[in-house]
Amino acid sequence: MSGSGGDRVLASVAHPGTEYLRSVAGTAQVVTWDAPDGTEIEGILCTPEGDGPFPLVVNVHGGPIWAFRNQWSMRSSWVPLLVSRGYAVLNPNPRGSAGRGQHFAGLVVGDMGGADTHDLLSGIDALVERGVVDGGRVGLIGGSYGGYMSSWLVTQDRRFAAAVPIAPVTDWYSQGFTSNIAAWGNRFLDADPEQHGTRAHTRSPVLHASKVRTPCLTVAGALDNCTPPGQAQEFHQALQAHGVASVLAVYPQEGHGVRAYPAQVDFLARAVDWFELHMPAR
């Protein structure tokens, strides 16, 4: 409240916990880079105190028609937690993201896992070139479409030291016959699962598992009807079949994402431990 005598606090929810979080959650800034085709891509980079290069976790948003904004935690509880442990977190808005008009959003339709893949990879390259990021310690995390991209990217590039796909799509065939949003996937992918060789095949991470070298912690909710837990299980078993370090965590009372307590506490501890094991910040 503001009056002639200046600002006056009527009520406050501040407490030592929020003060501590503010002290360790780092800073956020908008960053931009050019994709291989010249399209400008932007994102929000959260960094801890100190000078880089930092280990980096790329936090891929869901949707894919959604977008990160500069707001507390980027609506991802793991972002300030990772920053507090010494990691930089890039929250990119690749093509297909909201906020830049219908044309930009529509660029992902019929091309999920296509040009947006290179939007993300070029962002990492740019931050490494700028000296902000240690290119030998780069990881991935994301839920829903971000889970799909986290599992897809490790099949396309071996630079990643660790990945945590959450509620992913890993097999567009089984997704098309078990999900309650199967029509969304088929339309956005522009693929008919009955037709051999379409993007249902070429863009399914589980069918490219032999290319993966990245240790993956794949997370699902047993009650998820959007991206059923079988998606995570298929990817886990495919990775194990190819000798890749893989852990599967399925939460029995969770749906599309891990949201409730105490499951969220368990999940966050597992995710941070996974990155600290495979790409330690300190």
C-alpha atoms as a PDB file:
ATOM      1  CA  MET A   1       0.000   0.000   0.000  1.00  0.00           C
ATOM      2  CA  SER A   2       1.283   3.431  -0.888  1.00  0.00           C
ATOM      3  CA  GLY A   3       0.181   6.732   0.609  1.00  0.00           C
ATOM      4  CA  SER A   4       1.480  10.200   1.395  1.00  0.00           C
ATOM      5  CA  GLY A   5       3.780   8.674   3.980  1.00  0.00           C
ATOM      6  CA  GLY A   6       5.276   6.199   1.533  1.00  0.00           C
ATOM      7  CA  ASP A   7       4.825   2.444   1.241  1.00  0.00           C
ATOM      8  CA  ARG A   8       3.313   0.546   4.122  1.00  0.00           C
ATOM      9  CA  VAL A   9       3.154  -3.251   4.394  1.00  0.00           C
ATOM     10  CA  LEU A  10      -0.290  -4.444   5.465  1.00  0.00           C
ATOM     11  CA  ALA A  11       0.525  -8.136   5.477  1.00  0.00           C
ATOM     12  CA  SER A  12       3.465 -10.292   4.519  1.00  0.00           C
ATOM     13  CA  VAL A  13       3.963 -13.957   3.759  1.00  0.00           C
ATOM     14  CA  ALA A  14       7.744 -13.604   3.948  1.00  0.00           C
ATOM     15  CA  HIS A  15       9.593 -15.997   6.206  1.00  0.00           C
ATOM     16  CA  PRO A  16      13.153 -17.374   6.511  1.00  0.00           C
ATOM     17  CA  GLY A  17      12.375 -20.026   3.913  1.00  0.00           C
ATOM     18  CA  THR A  18      11.581 -17.508   1.177  1.00  0.00           C
ATOM     19  CA  GLU A  19      14.590 -15.416   2.149  1.00  0.00           C
ATOM     20  CA  TYR A  20      16.791 -18.490   1.796  1.00  0.00           C
ATOM     21  CA  LEU A  21      15.328 -19.378  -1.597  1.00  0.00           C
ATOM     22  CA  ARG A  22      15.868 -15.853  -2.867  1.00  0.00           C
ATOM     23  CA  SER A  23      19.486 -16.032  -1.708  1.00  0.00           C
ATOM     24  CA  VAL A  24      20.304 -19.237  -3.637  1.00  0.00           C
ATOM     25  CA  ALA A  25      17.981 -19.120  -6.664  1.00  0.00           C
ATOM     26  CA  GLY A  26      20.398 -17.080  -8.796  1.00  0.00           C
ATOM     27  CA  THR A  27      19.428 -14.692 -11.561  1.00  0.00           C
ATOM     28  CA  ALA A  28      17.491 -14.939 -14.822  1.00  0.00           C
ATOM     29  CA  GLN A  29      18.152 -13.220 -18.125  1.00  0.00           C
ATOM     30  CA  VAL A  30      16.794 -13.420 -21.649  1.00  0.00           C
ATOM     31  CA  VAL A  31      19.213 -14.915 -24.163  1.00  0.00           C
ATOM     32  CA  THR A  32      18.883 -15.254 -27.932  1.00  0.00           C
ATOM     33  CA  TRP A  33      20.675 -17.238 -30.626  1.00  0.00           C
ATOM     34  CA  ASP A  34      20.248 -18.168 -34.268  1.00  0.00           C
ATOM     35  CA  ALA A  35      19.054 -21.605 -35.346  1.00  0.00           C
ATOM     36  CA  PRO A  36      20.838 -23.232 -38.316  1.00  0.00           C
ATOM     37  CA  ASP A  37      18.199 -21.830 -40.704  1.00  0.00           C
ATOM     38  CA  GLY A  38      18.680 -18.296 -39.338  1.00  0.00           C
ATOM     39  CA  THR A  39      15.533 -18.200 -37.184  1.00  0.00           C
ATOM     40  CA  GLU A  40      16.126 -16.262 -33.970  1.00  0.00           C
ATOM     41  CA  ILE A  41      15.327 -18.354 -30.898  1.00  0.00           C
ATOM     42  CA  GLU A  42      15.045 -16.998 -27.394  1.00  0.00           C
ATOM     43  CA  GLY A  43      15.047 -18.441 -23.933  1.00  0.00           C
ATOM     44  CA  ILE A  44      15.584 -17.567 -20.309  1.00  0.00           C
ATOM     45  CA  LEU A  45      18.889 -18.534 -18.733  1.00  0.00           C
ATOM     46  CA  CYS A  46      19.007 -18.962 -14.973  1.00  0.00           C
ATOM     47  CA  THR A  47      22.470 -18.967 -13.428  1.00  0.00           C
ATOM     48  CA  PRO A  48      23.943 -19.278  -9.949  1.00  0.00           C
ATOM     49  CA  GLU A  49      26.315 -16.720  -8.507  1.00  0.00           C
ATOM     50  CA  GLY A  50      29.847 -16.626  -9.801  1.00  0.00           C
ATOM     51  CA  ASP A  51      31.497 -16.848 -13.173  1.00  0.00           C
ATOM     52  CA  GLY A  52      31.030 -19.586 -15.744  1.00  0.00           C
ATOM     53  CA  PRO A  53      31.428 -21.844 -17.429  1.00  0.00           C
ATOM     54  CA  PHE A  54      28.632 -23.619 -15.553  1.00  0.00           C
ATOM     55  CA  PRO A  55      27.271 -27.118 -16.031  1.00  0.00           C
ATOM     56  CA  LEU A  56      23.987 -26.708 -17.883  1.00  0.00           C
ATOM     57  CA  VAL A  57      20.598 -28.387 -17.641  1.00  0.00           C
ATOM     58  CA  VAL A  58      18.270 -27.631 -20.556  1.00  0.00           C
ATOM     59  CA  ASN A  59      14.694 -27.495 -19.278  1.00  0.00           C
ATOM     60  CA  VAL A  60      12.372 -28.237 -22.219  1.00  0.00           C
ATOM     61  CA  HIS A  61       8.777 -27.059 -21.873  1.00  0.00           C
ATOM     62  CA  GLY A  62       5.640 -29.051 -22.660  1.00  0.00           C
ATOM     63  CA  GLY A  63       2.934 -28.317 -25.183  1.00  0.00           C
ATOM     64  CA  PRO A  64       4.656 -27.946 -27.552  1.00  0.00           C
ATOM     65  CA  ILE A  65       2.538 -24.751 -27.881  1.00  0.00           C
ATOM     66  CA  TRP A  66       3.584 -23.153 -24.592  1.00  0.00           C
ATOM     67  CA  ALA A  67       6.352 -20.810 -23.496  1.00  0.00           C
ATOM     68  CA  PHE A  68       8.600 -19.908 -20.602  1.00  0.00           C
ATOM     69  CA  ARG A  69       8.272 -16.429 -19.173  1.00  0.00           C
ATOM     70  CA  ASN A  70      10.468 -14.707 -16.629  1.00  0.00           C
ATOM     71  CA  GLN A  71       8.577 -15.787 -13.547  1.00  0.00           C
ATOM     72  CA  TRP A  72       9.408 -17.514 -10.307  1.00  0.00           C
ATOM     73  CA  SER A  73      10.874 -20.996 -10.870  1.00  0.00           C
ATOM     74  CA  MET A  74       9.777 -20.971 -14.536  1.00  0.00           C
ATOM     75  CA  ARG A  75       6.845 -22.977 -13.157  1.00  0.00           C
ATOM     76  CA  SER A  76       9.280 -25.865 -12.749  1.00  0.00           C
ATOM     77  CA  SER A  77      10.217 -26.619  -9.153  1.00  0.00           C
ATOM     78  CA  TRP A  78      13.512 -28.146 -10.220  1.00  0.00           C
ATOM     79  CA  VAL A  79      14.823 -24.917 -11.770  1.00  0.00           C
ATOM     80  CA  PRO A  80      15.676 -22.961  -8.573  1.00  0.00           C
ATOM     81  CA  LEU A  81      16.734 -26.212  -6.921  1.00  0.00           C
ATOM     82  CA  LEU A  82      19.261 -26.975  -9.667  1.00  0.00           C
ATOM     83  CA  VAL A  83      20.503 -23.382  -9.679  1.00  0.00           C
ATOM     84  CA  SER A  84      21.014 -23.574  -5.918  1.00  0.00           C
ATOM     85  CA  ARG A  85      23.245 -26.611  -6.498  1.00  0.00           C
ATOM     86  CA  GLY A  86      25.464 -24.791  -8.968  1.00  0.00           C
ATOM     87  CA  TYR A  87      23.811 -25.533 -12.318  1.00  0.00           C
ATOM     88  CA  ALA A  88      22.792 -23.080 -15.008  1.00  0.00           C
ATOM     89  CA  VAL A  89      19.353 -23.861 -16.425  1.00  0.00           C
ATOM     90  CA  LEU A  90      18.356 -22.852 -19.942  1.00  0.00           C
ATOM     91  CA  ASN A  91      14.598 -22.532 -20.466  1.00  0.00           C
ATOM     92  CA  PRO A  92      14.309 -22.299 -24.259  1.00  0.00           C
ATOM     93  CA  ASN A  93      11.344 -21.314 -26.403  1.00  0.00           C
ATOM     94  CA  PRO A  94      12.003 -23.141 -29.691  1.00  0.00           C
ATOM     95  CA  ARG A  95       9.772 -22.909 -32.766  1.00  0.00           C
ATOM     96  CA  GLY A  96       6.319 -24.081 -31.835  1.00  0.00           C
ATOM     97  CA  SER A  97       6.335 -22.000 -28.661  1.00  0.00           C
ATOM     98  CA  ALA A  98       3.593 -19.514 -27.842  1.00  0.00           C
ATOM     99  CA  GLY A  99       3.984 -15.746 -27.781  1.00  0.00           C
ATOM    100  CA  ARG A 100       5.366 -15.126 -31.270  1.00  0.00           C
ATOM    101  CA  GLY A 101       2.255 -15.536 -33.367  1.00  0.00           C
ATOM    102  CA  GLN A 102       0.457 -18.308 -35.189  1.00  0.00           C
ATOM    103  CA  HIS A 103       3.127 -18.795 -37.838  1.00  0.00           C
ATOM    104  CA  PHE A 104       5.915 -19.408 -35.318  1.00  0.00           C
ATOM    105  CA  ALA A 105       3.729 -21.747 -33.277  1.00  0.00           C
ATOM    106  CA  GLY A 106       2.686 -23.626 -36.396  1.00  0.00           C
ATOM    107  CA  LEU A 107       6.280 -24.391 -37.388  1.00  0.00           C
ATOM    108  CA  VAL A 108       6.263 -27.429 -35.088  1.00  0.00           C
ATOM    109  CA  VAL A 109       3.111 -28.961 -36.608  1.00  0.00           C
ATOM    110  CA  GLY A 110       4.083 -31.966 -38.694  1.00  0.00           C
ATOM    111  CA  ASP A 111       7.693 -31.627 -37.540  1.00  0.00           C
ATOM    112  CA  MET A 112       7.842 -32.466 -33.833  1.00  0.00           C
ATOM    113  CA  GLY A 113      11.410 -33.471 -33.108  1.00  0.00           C
ATOM    114  CA  GLY A 114      12.593 -31.892 -36.364  1.00  0.00           C
ATOM    115  CA  ALA A 115      13.739 -28.279 -36.645  1.00  0.00           C
ATOM    116  CA  ASP A 116      12.968 -27.665 -32.961  1.00  0.00           C
ATOM    117  CA  THR A 117      15.705 -30.210 -32.180  1.00  0.00           C
ATOM    118  CA  HIS A 118      18.245 -27.937 -33.844  1.00  0.00           C
ATOM    119  CA  ASP A 119      16.802 -24.872 -32.129  1.00  0.00           C
ATOM    120  CA  LEU A 120      17.762 -26.473 -28.820  1.00  0.00           C
ATOM    121  CA  LEU A 121      21.137 -27.830 -29.885  1.00  0.00           C
ATOM    122  CA  SER A 122      22.179 -24.494 -31.388  1.00  0.00           C
ATOM    123  CA  GLY A 123      21.249 -22.759 -28.117  1.00  0.00           C
ATOM    124  CA  ILE A 124      23.637 -25.017 -26.237  1.00  0.00           C
ATOM    125  CA  ASP A 125      26.336 -24.358 -28.836  1.00  0.00           C
ATOM    126  CA  ALA A 126      25.866 -20.605 -28.465  1.00  0.00           C
ATOM    127  CA  LEU A 127      26.201 -20.683 -24.686  1.00  0.00           C
ATOM    128  CA  VAL A 128      29.313 -22.840 -24.898  1.00  0.00           C
ATOM    129  CA  GLU A 129      30.856 -20.443 -27.442  1.00  0.00           C
ATOM    130  CA  ARG A 130      30.070 -17.497 -25.155  1.00  0.00           C
ATOM    131  CA  GLY A 131      31.909 -19.162 -22.277  1.00  0.00           C
ATOM    132  CA  VAL A 132      28.811 -19.453 -20.117  1.00  0.00           C
ATOM    133  CA  VAL A 133      28.468 -23.240 -20.273  1.00  0.00           C
ATOM    134  CA  ASP A 134      30.832 -26.172 -19.892  1.00  0.00           C
ATOM    135  CA  GLY A 135      30.133 -28.247 -23.008  1.00  0.00           C
ATOM    136  CA  GLY A 136      31.261 -31.418 -21.238  1.00  0.00           C
ATOM    137  CA  ARG A 137      28.534 -31.136 -18.597  1.00  0.00           C
ATOM    138  CA  VAL A 138      25.179 -30.651 -20.326  1.00  0.00           C
ATOM    139  CA  GLY A 139      21.956 -32.392 -19.302  1.00  0.00           C
ATOM    140  CA  LEU A 140      18.260 -32.439 -20.167  1.00  0.00           C
ATOM    141  CA  ILE A 141      15.007 -32.371 -18.237  1.00  0.00           C
ATOM    142  CA  GLY A 142      11.406 -31.760 -19.251  1.00  0.00           C
ATOM    143  CA  GLY A 143       7.860 -32.979 -18.835  1.00  0.00           C
ATOM    144  CA  SER A 144       5.220 -34.064 -21.357  1.00  0.00           C
ATOM    145  CA  TYR A 145       6.402 -32.696 -24.713  1.00  0.00           C
ATOM    146  CA  GLY A 146       9.550 -31.724 -22.840  1.00  0.00           C
ATOM    147  CA  GLY A 147       9.782 -35.349 -21.775  1.00  0.00           C
ATOM    148  CA  TYR A 148       9.486 -36.429 -25.386  1.00  0.00           C
ATOM    149  CA  MET A 149      12.216 -34.001 -26.434  1.00  0.00           C
ATOM    150  CA  SER A 150      14.453 -35.064 -23.533  1.00  0.00           C
ATOM    151  CA  SER A 151      14.222 -38.676 -24.677  1.00  0.00           C
ATOM    152  CA  TRP A 152      14.449 -37.736 -28.371  1.00  0.00           C
ATOM    153  CA  LEU A 153      17.505 -35.492 -28.101  1.00  0.00           C
ATOM    154  CA  VAL A 154      19.635 -38.215 -26.537  1.00  0.00           C
ATOM    155  CA  THR A 155      18.999 -40.324 -29.651  1.00  0.00           C
ATOM    156  CA  GLN A 156      20.145 -37.479 -31.898  1.00  0.00           C
ATOM    157  CA  ASP A 157      23.238 -36.169 -30.105  1.00  0.00           C
ATOM    158  CA  ARG A 158      25.662 -37.869 -27.730  1.00  0.00           C
ATOM    159  CA  ARG A 159      26.867 -34.715 -25.983  1.00  0.00           C
ATOM    160  CA  PHE A 160      24.442 -35.080 -23.076  1.00  0.00           C
ATOM    161  CA  ALA A 161      25.861 -36.315 -19.782  1.00  0.00           C
ATOM    162  CA  ALA A 162      22.477 -37.037 -18.171  1.00  0.00           C
ATOM    163  CA  ALA A 163      18.761 -36.756 -18.935  1.00  0.00           C
ATOM    164  CA  VAL A 164      15.539 -36.834 -16.933  1.00  0.00           C
ATOM    165  CA  PRO A 165      12.516 -37.292 -19.233  1.00  0.00           C
ATOM    166  CA  ILE A 166       9.256 -36.822 -17.304  1.00  0.00           C
ATOM    167  CA  ALA A 167       5.922 -38.153 -18.590  1.00  0.00           C
ATOM    168  CA  PRO A 168       7.427 -38.637 -22.057  1.00  0.00           C
ATOM    169  CA  VAL A 169       6.132 -39.953 -25.332  1.00  0.00           C
ATOM    170  CA  THR A 170       8.767 -42.416 -26.542  1.00  0.00           C
ATOM    171  CA  ASP A 171       6.742 -44.586 -28.956  1.00  0.00           C
ATOM    172  CA  TRP A 172       4.257 -42.824 -31.217  1.00  0.00           C
ATOM    173  CA  TYR A 173       2.742 -46.170 -32.206  1.00  0.00           C
ATOM    174  CA  SER A 174       1.708 -47.297 -28.725  1.00  0.00           C
ATOM    175  CA  GLN A 175       0.935 -43.689 -27.759  1.00  0.00           C
ATOM    176  CA  GLY A 176      -1.572 -43.618 -30.604  1.00  0.00           C
ATOM    177  CA  PHE A 177      -3.493 -46.584 -29.188  1.00  0.00           C
ATOM    178  CA  THR A 178      -3.230 -46.084 -25.404  1.00  0.00           C
ATOM    179  CA  SER A 179      -3.410 -42.321 -24.810  1.00  0.00           C
ATOM    180  CA  ASN A 180      -6.523 -40.243 -24.227  1.00  0.00           C
ATOM    181  CA  ILE A 181      -4.976 -37.548 -26.463  1.00  0.00           C
ATOM    182  CA  ALA A 182      -3.870 -39.838 -29.285  1.00  0.00           C
ATOM    183  CA  ALA A 183      -5.479 -37.585 -31.910  1.00  0.00           C
ATOM    184  CA  TRP A 184      -3.288 -34.693 -30.749  1.00  0.00           C
ATOM    185  CA  GLY A 185      -0.121 -36.680 -31.347  1.00  0.00           C
ATOM    186  CA  ASN A 186      -1.161 -38.009 -34.734  1.00  0.00           C
ATOM    187  CA  ARG A 187      -2.220 -34.564 -35.956  1.00  0.00           C
ATOM    188  CA  PHE A 188       0.765 -32.652 -34.619  1.00  0.00           C
ATOM    189  CA  LEU A 189       3.108 -35.313 -35.963  1.00  0.00           C
ATOM    190  CA  ASP A 190       1.165 -35.521 -39.223  1.00  0.00           C
ATOM    191  CA  ALA A 191       1.561 -39.288 -39.059  1.00  0.00           C
ATOM    192  CA  ASP A 192      -0.743 -42.235 -39.532  1.00  0.00           C
ATOM    193  CA  PRO A 193       0.476 -45.127 -37.342  1.00  0.00           C
ATOM    194  CA  GLU A 194      -1.038 -47.583 -39.826  1.00  0.00           C
ATOM    195  CA  GLN A 195       1.283 -46.310 -42.552  1.00  0.00           C
ATOM    196  CA  HIS A 196       4.795 -47.760 -42.436  1.00  0.00           C
ATOM    197  CA  GLY A 197       7.727 -45.353 -42.356  1.00  0.00           C
ATOM    198  CA  THR A 198       5.871 -42.194 -41.325  1.00  0.00           C
ATOM    199  CA  ARG A 199       7.057 -39.924 -38.503  1.00  0.00           C
ATOM    200  CA  ALA A 200       5.373 -42.289 -36.059  1.00  0.00           C
ATOM    201  CA  HIS A 201       8.377 -44.474 -36.799  1.00  0.00           C
ATOM    202  CA  THR A 202      11.143 -42.014 -37.618  1.00  0.00           C
ATOM    203  CA  ARG A 203      10.440 -39.724 -34.619  1.00  0.00           C
ATOM    204  CA  SER A 204       9.923 -42.395 -31.907  1.00  0.00           C
ATOM    205  CA  PRO A 205      12.836 -42.314 -29.436  1.00  0.00           C
ATOM    206  CA  VAL A 206      12.362 -45.961 -28.465  1.00  0.00           C
ATOM    207  CA  LEU A 207      13.048 -47.005 -32.058  1.00  0.00           C
ATOM    208  CA  HIS A 208      16.390 -45.172 -31.988  1.00  0.00           C
ATOM    209  CA  ALA A 209      17.548 -46.431 -28.590  1.00  0.00           C
ATOM    210  CA  SER A 210      20.660 -48.058 -30.052  1.00  0.00           C
ATOM    211  CA  LYS A 211      22.075 -44.562 -30.657  1.00  0.00           C
ATOM    212  CA  VAL A 212      21.814 -43.487 -27.002  1.00  0.00           C
ATOM    213  CA  ARG A 213      24.818 -43.233 -24.688  1.00  0.00           C
ATOM    214  CA  THR A 214      23.290 -40.826 -22.153  1.00  0.00           C
ATOM    215  CA  PRO A 215      22.282 -42.139 -18.700  1.00  0.00           C
ATOM    216  CA  CYS A 216      18.526 -41.567 -18.364  1.00  0.00           C
ATOM    217  CA  LEU A 217      16.242 -41.322 -15.350  1.00  0.00           C
ATOM    218  CA  THR A 218      12.790 -41.734 -16.896  1.00  0.00           C
ATOM    219  CA  VAL A 219       9.837 -40.679 -14.745  1.00  0.00           C
ATOM    220  CA  ALA A 220       6.115 -41.400 -15.054  1.00  0.00           C
ATOM    221  CA  GLY A 221       2.872 -41.371 -13.107  1.00  0.00           C
ATOM    222  CA  ALA A 222       1.016 -44.671 -12.945  1.00  0.00           C
ATOM    223  CA  LEU A 223      -2.300 -42.828 -13.377  1.00  0.00           C
ATOM    224  CA  ASP A 224      -1.215 -40.805 -16.418  1.00  0.00           C
ATOM    225  CA  ASN A 225      -3.747 -41.150 -19.244  1.00  0.00           C
ATOM    226  CA  CYS A 226      -2.082 -38.571 -21.521  1.00  0.00           C
ATOM    227  CA  THR A 227       1.334 -40.177 -21.804  1.00  0.00           C
ATOM    228  CA  PRO A 228       0.722 -43.560 -20.156  1.00  0.00           C
ATOM    229  CA  PRO A 229       3.515 -45.021 -18.003  1.00  0.00           C
ATOM    230  CA  GLY A 230       4.163 -47.677 -20.610  1.00  0.00           C
ATOM    231  CA  GLN A 231       5.891 -44.969 -22.632  1.00  0.00           C
ATOM    232  CA  ALA A 232       8.531 -44.547 -19.929  1.00  0.00           C
ATOM    233  CA  GLN A 233       8.815 -48.298 -19.425  1.00  0.00           C
ATOM    234  CA  GLU A 234       9.381 -48.945 -23.144  1.00  0.00           C
ATOM    235  CA  PHE A 235      12.217 -46.427 -23.237  1.00  0.00           C
ATOM    236  CA  HIS A 236      13.800 -47.762 -20.046  1.00  0.00           C
ATOM    237  CA  GLN A 237      13.764 -51.328 -21.296  1.00  0.00           C
ATOM    238  CA  ALA A 238      15.072 -50.327 -24.725  1.00  0.00           C
ATOM    239  CA  LEU A 239      17.984 -48.480 -23.129  1.00  0.00           C
ATOM    240  CA  GLN A 240      18.783 -51.408 -20.869  1.00  0.00           C
ATOM    241  CA  ALA A 241      18.741 -53.738 -23.863  1.00  0.00           C
ATOM    242  CA  HIS A 242      21.483 -51.601 -25.395  1.00  0.00           C
ATOM    243  CA  GLY A 243      23.565 -51.379 -22.231  1.00  0.00           C
ATOM    244  CA  VAL A 244      22.731 -47.760 -21.407  1.00  0.00           C
ATOM    245  CA  ALA A 245      22.509 -46.699 -17.768  1.00  0.00           C
ATOM    246  CA  SER A 246      18.785 -46.306 -17.106  1.00  0.00           C
ATOM    247  CA  VAL A 247      16.521 -45.959 -14.084  1.00  0.00           C
ATOM    248  CA  LEU A 248      12.715 -45.986 -14.250  1.00  0.00           C
ATOM    249  CA  ALA A 249      10.665 -44.233 -11.546  1.00  0.00           C
ATOM    250  CA  VAL A 250       6.885 -44.702 -11.696  1.00  0.00           C
ATOM    251  CA  TYR A 251       4.854 -42.952  -8.977  1.00  0.00           C
ATOM    252  CA  PRO A 252       1.726 -44.976  -8.134  1.00  0.00           C
ATOM    253  CA  GLN A 253      -0.587 -42.062  -7.231  1.00  0.00           C
ATOM    254  CA  GLU A 254       0.621 -39.518  -9.788  1.00  0.00           C
ATOM    255  CA  GLY A 255      -0.844 -38.632 -13.175  1.00  0.00           C
ATOM    256  CA  HIS A 256       0.639 -36.412 -15.885  1.00  0.00           C
ATOM    257  CA  GLY A 257       3.706 -35.211 -14.026  1.00  0.00           C
ATOM    258  CA  VAL A 258       4.785 -35.514 -10.400  1.00  0.00           C
ATOM    259  CA  ARG A 259       2.885 -32.871  -8.470  1.00  0.00           C
ATOM    260  CA  ALA A 260       1.802 -34.040  -5.013  1.00  0.00           C
ATOM    261  CA  TYR A 261       3.716 -34.529  -1.789  1.00  0.00           C
ATOM    262  CA  PRO A 262       5.613 -36.611  -0.790  1.00  0.00           C
ATOM    263  CA  ALA A 263       6.132 -37.888  -4.349  1.00  0.00           C
ATOM    264  CA  GLN A 264       7.479 -34.535  -5.534  1.00  0.00           C
ATOM    265  CA  VAL A 265      10.099 -34.464  -2.809  1.00  0.00           C
ATOM    266  CA  ASP A 266      11.236 -37.949  -3.782  1.00  0.00           C
ATOM    267  CA  PHE A 267      11.312 -37.040  -7.477  1.00  0.00           C
ATOM    268  CA  LEU A 268      13.294 -33.827  -6.970  1.00  0.00           C
ATOM    269  CA  ALA A 269      15.838 -35.649  -4.837  1.00  0.00           C
ATOM    270  CA  ARG A 270      16.219 -38.332  -7.509  1.00  0.00           C
ATOM    271  CA  ALA A 271      16.573 -35.779 -10.311  1.00  0.00           C
ATOM    272  CA  VAL A 272      19.212 -33.700  -8.532  1.00  0.00           C
ATOM    273  CA  ASP A 273      21.109 -36.836  -7.500  1.00  0.00           C
ATOM    274  CA  TRP A 274      21.047 -38.035 -11.127  1.00  0.00           C
ATOM    275  CA  PHE A 275      22.677 -34.855 -12.395  1.00  0.00           C
ATOM    276  CA  GLU A 276      25.137 -34.716  -9.527  1.00  0.00           C
ATOM    277  CA  LEU A 277      26.144 -38.323 -10.191  1.00  0.00           C
ATOM    278  CA  HIS A 278      26.692 -37.949 -13.931  1.00  0.00           C
ATOM    279  CA  MET A 279      27.645 -34.267 -14.307  1.00  0.00           C
ATOM    280  CA  PRO A 280      28.573 -32.864 -10.881  1.00  0.00           C
ATOM    281  CA  ALA A 281      28.475 -29.106 -10.475  1.00  0.00           C
ATOM    282  CA  ARG A 282      30.992 -28.978  -7.656  1.00  0.00           C
END
